[in-house]
Amino acid sequence: MLITCPYCGPRDVIEFAYQGDGNRERPQPASQDLDAWNAYVYDRLNPAGDHNEIWQHAGGCRAHIRV
């Protein structure tokens, strides 16, 4: 599978490292809301169909991209 890096062009997936779900929103760092932090850290959705993922071009320019 090829992933297109905006800086390096099309590259093999072996050069990339999965960094997580691209649709999650992190709570504010100063937030005291433990339920929000618990949901961010532990709760995962598994929707059917298209979704966003964050990948890092670890074997190249080290950029983070949404796929």
PDB file of N, CA and C in Angstrom:
ATOM      1  N   MET A   1       0.850  -1.167   0.000  1.00  0.00           N
ATOM      2  CA  MET A   1       0.000   0.000   0.000  1.00  0.00           C
ATOM      3  C   MET A   1       0.898   1.232   0.000  1.00  0.00           C
ATOM      4  N   LEU A   2       0.509   2.239  -0.757  1.00  0.00           N
ATOM      5  CA  LEU A   2       1.248   3.493  -0.814  1.00  0.00           C
ATOM      6  C   LEU A   2       0.496   4.578  -0.062  1.00  0.00           C
ATOM      7  N   ILE A   3       1.228   5.381   0.696  1.00  0.00           N
ATOM      8  CA  ILE A   3       0.684   6.564   1.357  1.00  0.00           C
ATOM      9  C   ILE A   3       1.412   7.753   0.762  1.00  0.00           C
ATOM     10  N   THR A   4       0.672   8.793   0.377  1.00  0.00           N
ATOM     11  CA  THR A   4       1.283   9.972  -0.222  1.00  0.00           C
ATOM     12  C   THR A   4       1.652  10.972   0.860  1.00  0.00           C
ATOM     13  N   CYS A   5       2.939  11.175   1.041  1.00  0.00           N
ATOM     14  CA  CYS A   5       3.446  12.191   1.962  1.00  0.00           C
ATOM     15  C   CYS A   5       3.452  13.524   1.214  1.00  0.00           C
ATOM     16  N   PRO A   6       2.944  14.605   1.823  1.00  0.00           N
ATOM     17  CA  PRO A   6       2.917  15.887   1.117  1.00  0.00           C
ATOM     18  C   PRO A   6       4.313  16.446   0.831  1.00  0.00           C
ATOM     19  N   TYR A   7       5.337  15.943   1.519  1.00  0.00           N
ATOM     20  CA  TYR A   7       6.696  16.448   1.332  1.00  0.00           C
ATOM     21  C   TYR A   7       7.571  15.510   0.503  1.00  0.00           C
ATOM     22  N   CYS A   8       7.335  14.193   0.619  1.00  0.00           N
ATOM     23  CA  CYS A   8       8.201  13.205  -0.032  1.00  0.00           C
ATOM     24  C   CYS A   8       7.547  12.485  -1.203  1.00  0.00           C
ATOM     25  N   GLY A   9       6.225  12.654  -1.369  1.00  0.00           N
ATOM     26  CA  GLY A   9       5.520  11.963  -2.438  1.00  0.00           C
ATOM     27  C   GLY A   9       5.059  10.582  -2.001  1.00  0.00           C
ATOM     28  N   PRO A  10       4.623   9.749  -2.947  1.00  0.00           N
ATOM     29  CA  PRO A  10       4.129   8.408  -2.608  1.00  0.00           C
ATOM     30  C   PRO A  10       5.239   7.534  -2.020  1.00  0.00           C
ATOM     31  N   ARG A  11       4.936   6.914  -0.875  1.00  0.00           N
ATOM     32  CA  ARG A  11       5.897   6.042  -0.194  1.00  0.00           C
ATOM     33  C   ARG A  11       5.202   4.772   0.266  1.00  0.00           C
ATOM     34  N   ASP A  12       5.960   3.706   0.423  1.00  0.00           N
ATOM     35  CA  ASP A  12       5.410   2.443   0.905  1.00  0.00           C
ATOM     36  C   ASP A  12       4.997   2.587   2.369  1.00  0.00           C
ATOM     37  N   VAL A  13       3.951   1.878   2.752  1.00  0.00           N
ATOM     38  CA  VAL A  13       3.401   1.965   4.104  1.00  0.00           C
ATOM     39  C   VAL A  13       4.429   1.563   5.169  1.00  0.00           C
ATOM     40  N   ILE A  14       5.435   0.790   4.808  1.00  0.00           N
ATOM     41  CA  ILE A  14       6.450   0.347   5.768  1.00  0.00           C
ATOM     42  C   ILE A  14       7.225   1.526   6.360  1.00  0.00           C
ATOM     43  N   GLU A  15       7.241   2.683   5.662  1.00  0.00           N
ATOM     44  CA  GLU A  15       7.943   3.868   6.148  1.00  0.00           C
ATOM     45  C   GLU A  15       7.141   4.646   7.185  1.00  0.00           C
ATOM     46  N   PHE A  16       5.879   4.262   7.420  1.00  0.00           N
ATOM     47  CA  PHE A  16       4.992   5.033   8.282  1.00  0.00           C
ATOM     48  C   PHE A  16       4.673   4.290   9.568  1.00  0.00           C
ATOM     49  N   ALA A  17       4.389   5.057  10.620  1.00  0.00           N
ATOM     50  CA  ALA A  17       3.976   4.496  11.911  1.00  0.00           C
ATOM     51  C   ALA A  17       2.600   5.050  12.262  1.00  0.00           C
ATOM     52  N   TYR A  18       1.693   4.155  12.621  1.00  0.00           N
ATOM     53  CA  TYR A  18       0.333   4.553  12.999  1.00  0.00           C
ATOM     54  C   TYR A  18       0.382   5.314  14.316  1.00  0.00           C
ATOM     55  N   GLN A  19      -0.277   6.477  14.368  1.00  0.00           N
ATOM     56  CA  GLN A  19      -0.268   7.309  15.569  1.00  0.00           C
ATOM     57  C   GLN A  19      -1.624   7.415  16.251  1.00  0.00           C
ATOM     58  N   GLY A  20      -2.679   6.916  15.628  1.00  0.00           N
ATOM     59  CA  GLY A  20      -3.975   6.917  16.299  1.00  0.00           C
ATOM     60  C   GLY A  20      -5.105   7.452  15.443  1.00  0.00           C
ATOM     61  N   ASP A  21      -6.266   7.525  16.077  1.00  0.00           N
ATOM     62  CA  ASP A  21      -7.497   7.993  15.448  1.00  0.00           C
ATOM     63  C   ASP A  21      -7.410   9.494  15.207  1.00  0.00           C
ATOM     64  N   GLY A  22      -7.742   9.927  14.017  1.00  0.00           N
ATOM     65  CA  GLY A  22      -7.659  11.338  13.666  1.00  0.00           C
ATOM     66  C   GLY A  22      -8.883  12.153  14.014  1.00  0.00           C
ATOM     67  N   ASN A  23      -9.909  11.534  14.586  1.00  0.00           N
ATOM     68  CA  ASN A  23     -11.141  12.256  14.908  1.00  0.00           C
ATOM     69  C   ASN A  23     -11.285  12.585  16.388  1.00  0.00           C
ATOM     70  N   ARG A  24     -10.358  12.154  17.206  1.00  0.00           N
ATOM     71  CA  ARG A  24     -10.476  12.363  18.654  1.00  0.00           C
ATOM     72  C   ARG A  24     -10.057  13.780  19.030  1.00  0.00           C
ATOM     73  N   GLU A  25     -10.727  14.341  20.037  1.00  0.00           N
ATOM     74  CA  GLU A  25     -10.371  15.667  20.543  1.00  0.00           C
ATOM     75  C   GLU A  25      -9.841  15.529  21.958  1.00  0.00           C
ATOM     76  N   ARG A  26      -8.634  16.016  22.172  1.00  0.00           N
ATOM     77  CA  ARG A  26      -8.004  15.932  23.486  1.00  0.00           C
ATOM     78  C   ARG A  26      -8.589  16.999  24.403  1.00  0.00           C
ATOM     79  N   PRO A  27      -8.897  16.651  25.664  1.00  0.00           N
ATOM     80  CA  PRO A  27      -9.363  17.668  26.614  1.00  0.00           C
ATOM     81  C   PRO A  27      -8.257  18.693  26.885  1.00  0.00           C
ATOM     82  N   GLN A  28      -8.646  19.858  27.363  1.00  0.00           N
ATOM     83  CA  GLN A  28      -7.663  20.879  27.720  1.00  0.00           C
ATOM     84  C   GLN A  28      -6.713  20.320  28.779  1.00  0.00           C
ATOM     85  N   PRO A  29      -5.407  20.586  28.668  1.00  0.00           N
ATOM     86  CA  PRO A  29      -4.448  20.025  29.622  1.00  0.00           C
ATOM     87  C   PRO A  29      -4.743  20.380  31.081  1.00  0.00           C
ATOM     88  N   ALA A  30      -5.306  21.543  31.337  1.00  0.00           N
ATOM     89  CA  ALA A  30      -5.593  21.958  32.712  1.00  0.00           C
ATOM     90  C   ALA A  30      -6.950  21.456  33.203  1.00  0.00           C
ATOM     91  N   SER A  31      -7.654  20.724  32.367  1.00  0.00           N
ATOM     92  CA  SER A  31      -8.994  20.265  32.721  1.00  0.00           C
ATOM     93  C   SER A  31      -8.953  19.298  33.894  1.00  0.00           C
ATOM     94  N   GLN A  32      -9.884  19.489  34.825  1.00  0.00           N
ATOM     95  CA  GLN A  32     -10.013  18.600  35.980  1.00  0.00           C
ATOM     96  C   GLN A  32     -11.107  17.561  35.760  1.00  0.00           C
ATOM     97  N   ASP A  33     -11.714  17.559  34.576  1.00  0.00           N
ATOM     98  CA  ASP A  33     -12.826  16.656  34.283  1.00  0.00           C
ATOM     99  C   ASP A  33     -12.294  15.240  34.039  1.00  0.00           C
ATOM    100  N   LEU A  34     -12.339  14.411  35.065  1.00  0.00           N
ATOM    101  CA  LEU A  34     -11.787  13.060  34.964  1.00  0.00           C
ATOM    102  C   LEU A  34     -12.563  12.183  33.991  1.00  0.00           C
ATOM    103  N   ASP A  35     -13.870  12.423  33.856  1.00  0.00           N
ATOM    104  CA  ASP A  35     -14.656  11.644  32.894  1.00  0.00           C
ATOM    105  C   ASP A  35     -14.199  11.919  31.464  1.00  0.00           C
ATOM    106  N   ALA A  36     -13.895  13.185  31.164  1.00  0.00           N
ATOM    107  CA  ALA A  36     -13.421  13.539  29.822  1.00  0.00           C
ATOM    108  C   ALA A  36     -12.058  12.907  29.546  1.00  0.00           C
ATOM    109  N   TRP A  37     -11.159  12.943  30.522  1.00  0.00           N
ATOM    110  CA  TRP A  37      -9.840  12.334  30.344  1.00  0.00           C
ATOM    111  C   TRP A  37      -9.941  10.821  30.241  1.00  0.00           C
ATOM    112  N   ASN A  38     -10.798  10.217  31.033  1.00  0.00           N
ATOM    113  CA  ASN A  38     -10.994   8.771  30.969  1.00  0.00           C
ATOM    114  C   ASN A  38     -11.507   8.359  29.585  1.00  0.00           C
ATOM    115  N   ALA A  39     -12.469   9.111  29.061  1.00  0.00           N
ATOM    116  CA  ALA A  39     -13.015   8.818  27.735  1.00  0.00           C
ATOM    117  C   ALA A  39     -11.938   8.984  26.660  1.00  0.00           C
ATOM    118  N   TYR A  40     -11.106  10.024  26.781  1.00  0.00           N
ATOM    119  CA  TYR A  40     -10.053  10.269  25.797  1.00  0.00           C
ATOM    120  C   TYR A  40      -9.016   9.142  25.793  1.00  0.00           C
ATOM    121  N   VAL A  41      -8.631   8.682  26.974  1.00  0.00           N
ATOM    122  CA  VAL A  41      -7.571   7.681  27.080  1.00  0.00           C
ATOM    123  C   VAL A  41      -8.060   6.272  26.760  1.00  0.00           C
ATOM    124  N   TYR A  42      -9.259   5.910  27.247  1.00  0.00           N
ATOM    125  CA  TYR A  42      -9.675   4.509  27.190  1.00  0.00           C
ATOM    126  C   TYR A  42     -10.796   4.181  26.201  1.00  0.00           C
ATOM    127  N   ASP A  43     -11.701   5.104  25.938  1.00  0.00           N
ATOM    128  CA  ASP A  43     -12.852   4.791  25.087  1.00  0.00           C
ATOM    129  C   ASP A  43     -12.474   4.889  23.619  1.00  0.00           C
ATOM    130  N   ARG A  44     -12.824   3.882  22.860  1.00  0.00           N
ATOM    131  CA  ARG A  44     -12.553   3.864  21.424  1.00  0.00           C
ATOM    132  C   ARG A  44     -13.828   3.513  20.676  1.00  0.00           C
ATOM    133  N   LEU A  45     -14.046   4.208  19.568  1.00  0.00           N
ATOM    134  CA  LEU A  45     -15.149   3.883  18.680  1.00  0.00           C
ATOM    135  C   LEU A  45     -14.599   3.029  17.544  1.00  0.00           C
ATOM    136  N   ASN A  46     -15.431   2.206  16.988  1.00  0.00           N
ATOM    137  CA  ASN A  46     -15.039   1.376  15.857  1.00  0.00           C
ATOM    138  C   ASN A  46     -16.113   1.493  14.776  1.00  0.00           C
ATOM    139  N   PRO A  47     -16.226   2.687  14.155  1.00  0.00           N
ATOM    140  CA  PRO A  47     -17.287   2.881  13.170  1.00  0.00           C
ATOM    141  C   PRO A  47     -16.990   2.149  11.862  1.00  0.00           C
ATOM    142  N   ALA A  48     -18.048   1.745  11.203  1.00  0.00           N
ATOM    143  CA  ALA A  48     -17.907   1.148   9.881  1.00  0.00           C
ATOM    144  C   ALA A  48     -17.712   2.261   8.856  1.00  0.00           C
ATOM    145  N   GLY A  49     -16.978   1.985   7.809  1.00  0.00           N
ATOM    146  CA  GLY A  49     -16.802   2.955   6.733  1.00  0.00           C
ATOM    147  C   GLY A  49     -15.530   3.774   6.877  1.00  0.00           C
ATOM    148  N   ASP A  50     -15.499   4.879   6.136  1.00  0.00           N
ATOM    149  CA  ASP A  50     -14.321   5.742   6.107  1.00  0.00           C
ATOM    150  C   ASP A  50     -14.109   6.431   7.450  1.00  0.00           C
ATOM    151  N   HIS A  51     -12.854   6.621   7.810  1.00  0.00           N
ATOM    152  CA  HIS A  51     -12.494   7.383   9.001  1.00  0.00           C
ATOM    153  C   HIS A  51     -11.084   7.939   8.822  1.00  0.00           C
ATOM    154  N   ASN A  52     -10.699   8.877   9.679  1.00  0.00           N
ATOM    155  CA  ASN A  52      -9.384   9.512   9.607  1.00  0.00           C
ATOM    156  C   ASN A  52      -8.418   8.841  10.571  1.00  0.00           C
ATOM    157  N   GLU A  53      -7.171   8.715  10.141  1.00  0.00           N
ATOM    158  CA  GLU A  53      -6.110   8.187  10.994  1.00  0.00           C
ATOM    159  C   GLU A  53      -4.914   9.122  10.897  1.00  0.00           C
ATOM    160  N   ILE A  54      -4.127   9.194  11.954  1.00  0.00           N
ATOM    161  CA  ILE A  54      -2.898   9.982  11.949  1.00  0.00           C
ATOM    162  C   ILE A  54      -1.727   9.016  11.809  1.00  0.00           C
ATOM    163  N   TRP A  55      -0.875   9.279  10.830  1.00  0.00           N
ATOM    164  CA  TRP A  55       0.314   8.472  10.589  1.00  0.00           C
ATOM    165  C   TRP A  55       1.535   9.390  10.592  1.00  0.00           C
ATOM    166  N   GLN A  56       2.665   8.882  11.060  1.00  0.00           N
ATOM    167  CA  GLN A  56       3.917   9.633  11.021  1.00  0.00           C
ATOM    168  C   GLN A  56       4.838   8.999   9.990  1.00  0.00           C
ATOM    169  N   HIS A  57       5.446   9.834   9.175  1.00  0.00           N
ATOM    170  CA  HIS A  57       6.408   9.339   8.185  1.00  0.00           C
ATOM    171  C   HIS A  57       7.740   9.097   8.907  1.00  0.00           C
ATOM    172  N   ALA A  58       7.764   8.037   9.707  1.00  0.00           N
ATOM    173  CA  ALA A  58       8.900   7.734  10.579  1.00  0.00           C
ATOM    174  C   ALA A  58      10.162   7.377   9.797  1.00  0.00           C
ATOM    175  N   GLY A  59      10.009   6.811   8.619  1.00  0.00           N
ATOM    176  CA  GLY A  59      11.163   6.418   7.817  1.00  0.00           C
ATOM    177  C   GLY A  59      11.548   7.463   6.791  1.00  0.00           C
ATOM    178  N   GLY A  60      11.095   8.693   6.987  1.00  0.00           N
ATOM    179  CA  GLY A  60      11.381   9.755   6.023  1.00  0.00           C
ATOM    180  C   GLY A  60      11.488  11.099   6.716  1.00  0.00           C
ATOM    181  N   CYS A  61      10.594  12.010   6.368  1.00  0.00           N
ATOM    182  CA  CYS A  61      10.666  13.389   6.855  1.00  0.00           C
ATOM    183  C   CYS A  61      10.094  13.578   8.256  1.00  0.00           C
ATOM    184  N   ARG A  62       9.483  12.541   8.845  1.00  0.00           N
ATOM    185  CA  ARG A  62       8.931  12.532  10.198  1.00  0.00           C
ATOM    186  C   ARG A  62       7.688  13.405  10.358  1.00  0.00           C
ATOM    187  N   ALA A  63       7.079  13.812   9.256  1.00  0.00           N
ATOM    188  CA  ALA A  63       5.853  14.614   9.312  1.00  0.00           C
ATOM    189  C   ALA A  63       4.681  13.754   9.778  1.00  0.00           C
ATOM    190  N   HIS A  64       3.710  14.388  10.438  1.00  0.00           N
ATOM    191  CA  HIS A  64       2.458  13.729  10.817  1.00  0.00           C
ATOM    192  C   HIS A  64       1.411  14.099   9.777  1.00  0.00           C
ATOM    193  N   ILE A  65       0.709  13.098   9.257  1.00  0.00           N
ATOM    194  CA  ILE A  65      -0.309  13.357   8.240  1.00  0.00           C
ATOM    195  C   ILE A  65      -1.583  12.603   8.586  1.00  0.00           C
ATOM    196  N   ARG A  66      -2.703  13.119   8.085  1.00  0.00           N
ATOM    197  CA  ARG A  66      -3.990  12.436   8.226  1.00  0.00           C
ATOM    198  C   ARG A  66      -4.238  11.627   6.967  1.00  0.00           C
ATOM    199  N   VAL A  67      -4.607  10.384   7.161  1.00  0.00           N
ATOM    200  CA  VAL A  67      -4.862   9.478   6.032  1.00  0.00           C
ATOM    201  C   VAL A  67      -6.303   9.048   6.099  1.00  0.00           C
TER     202      VAL A  67
END
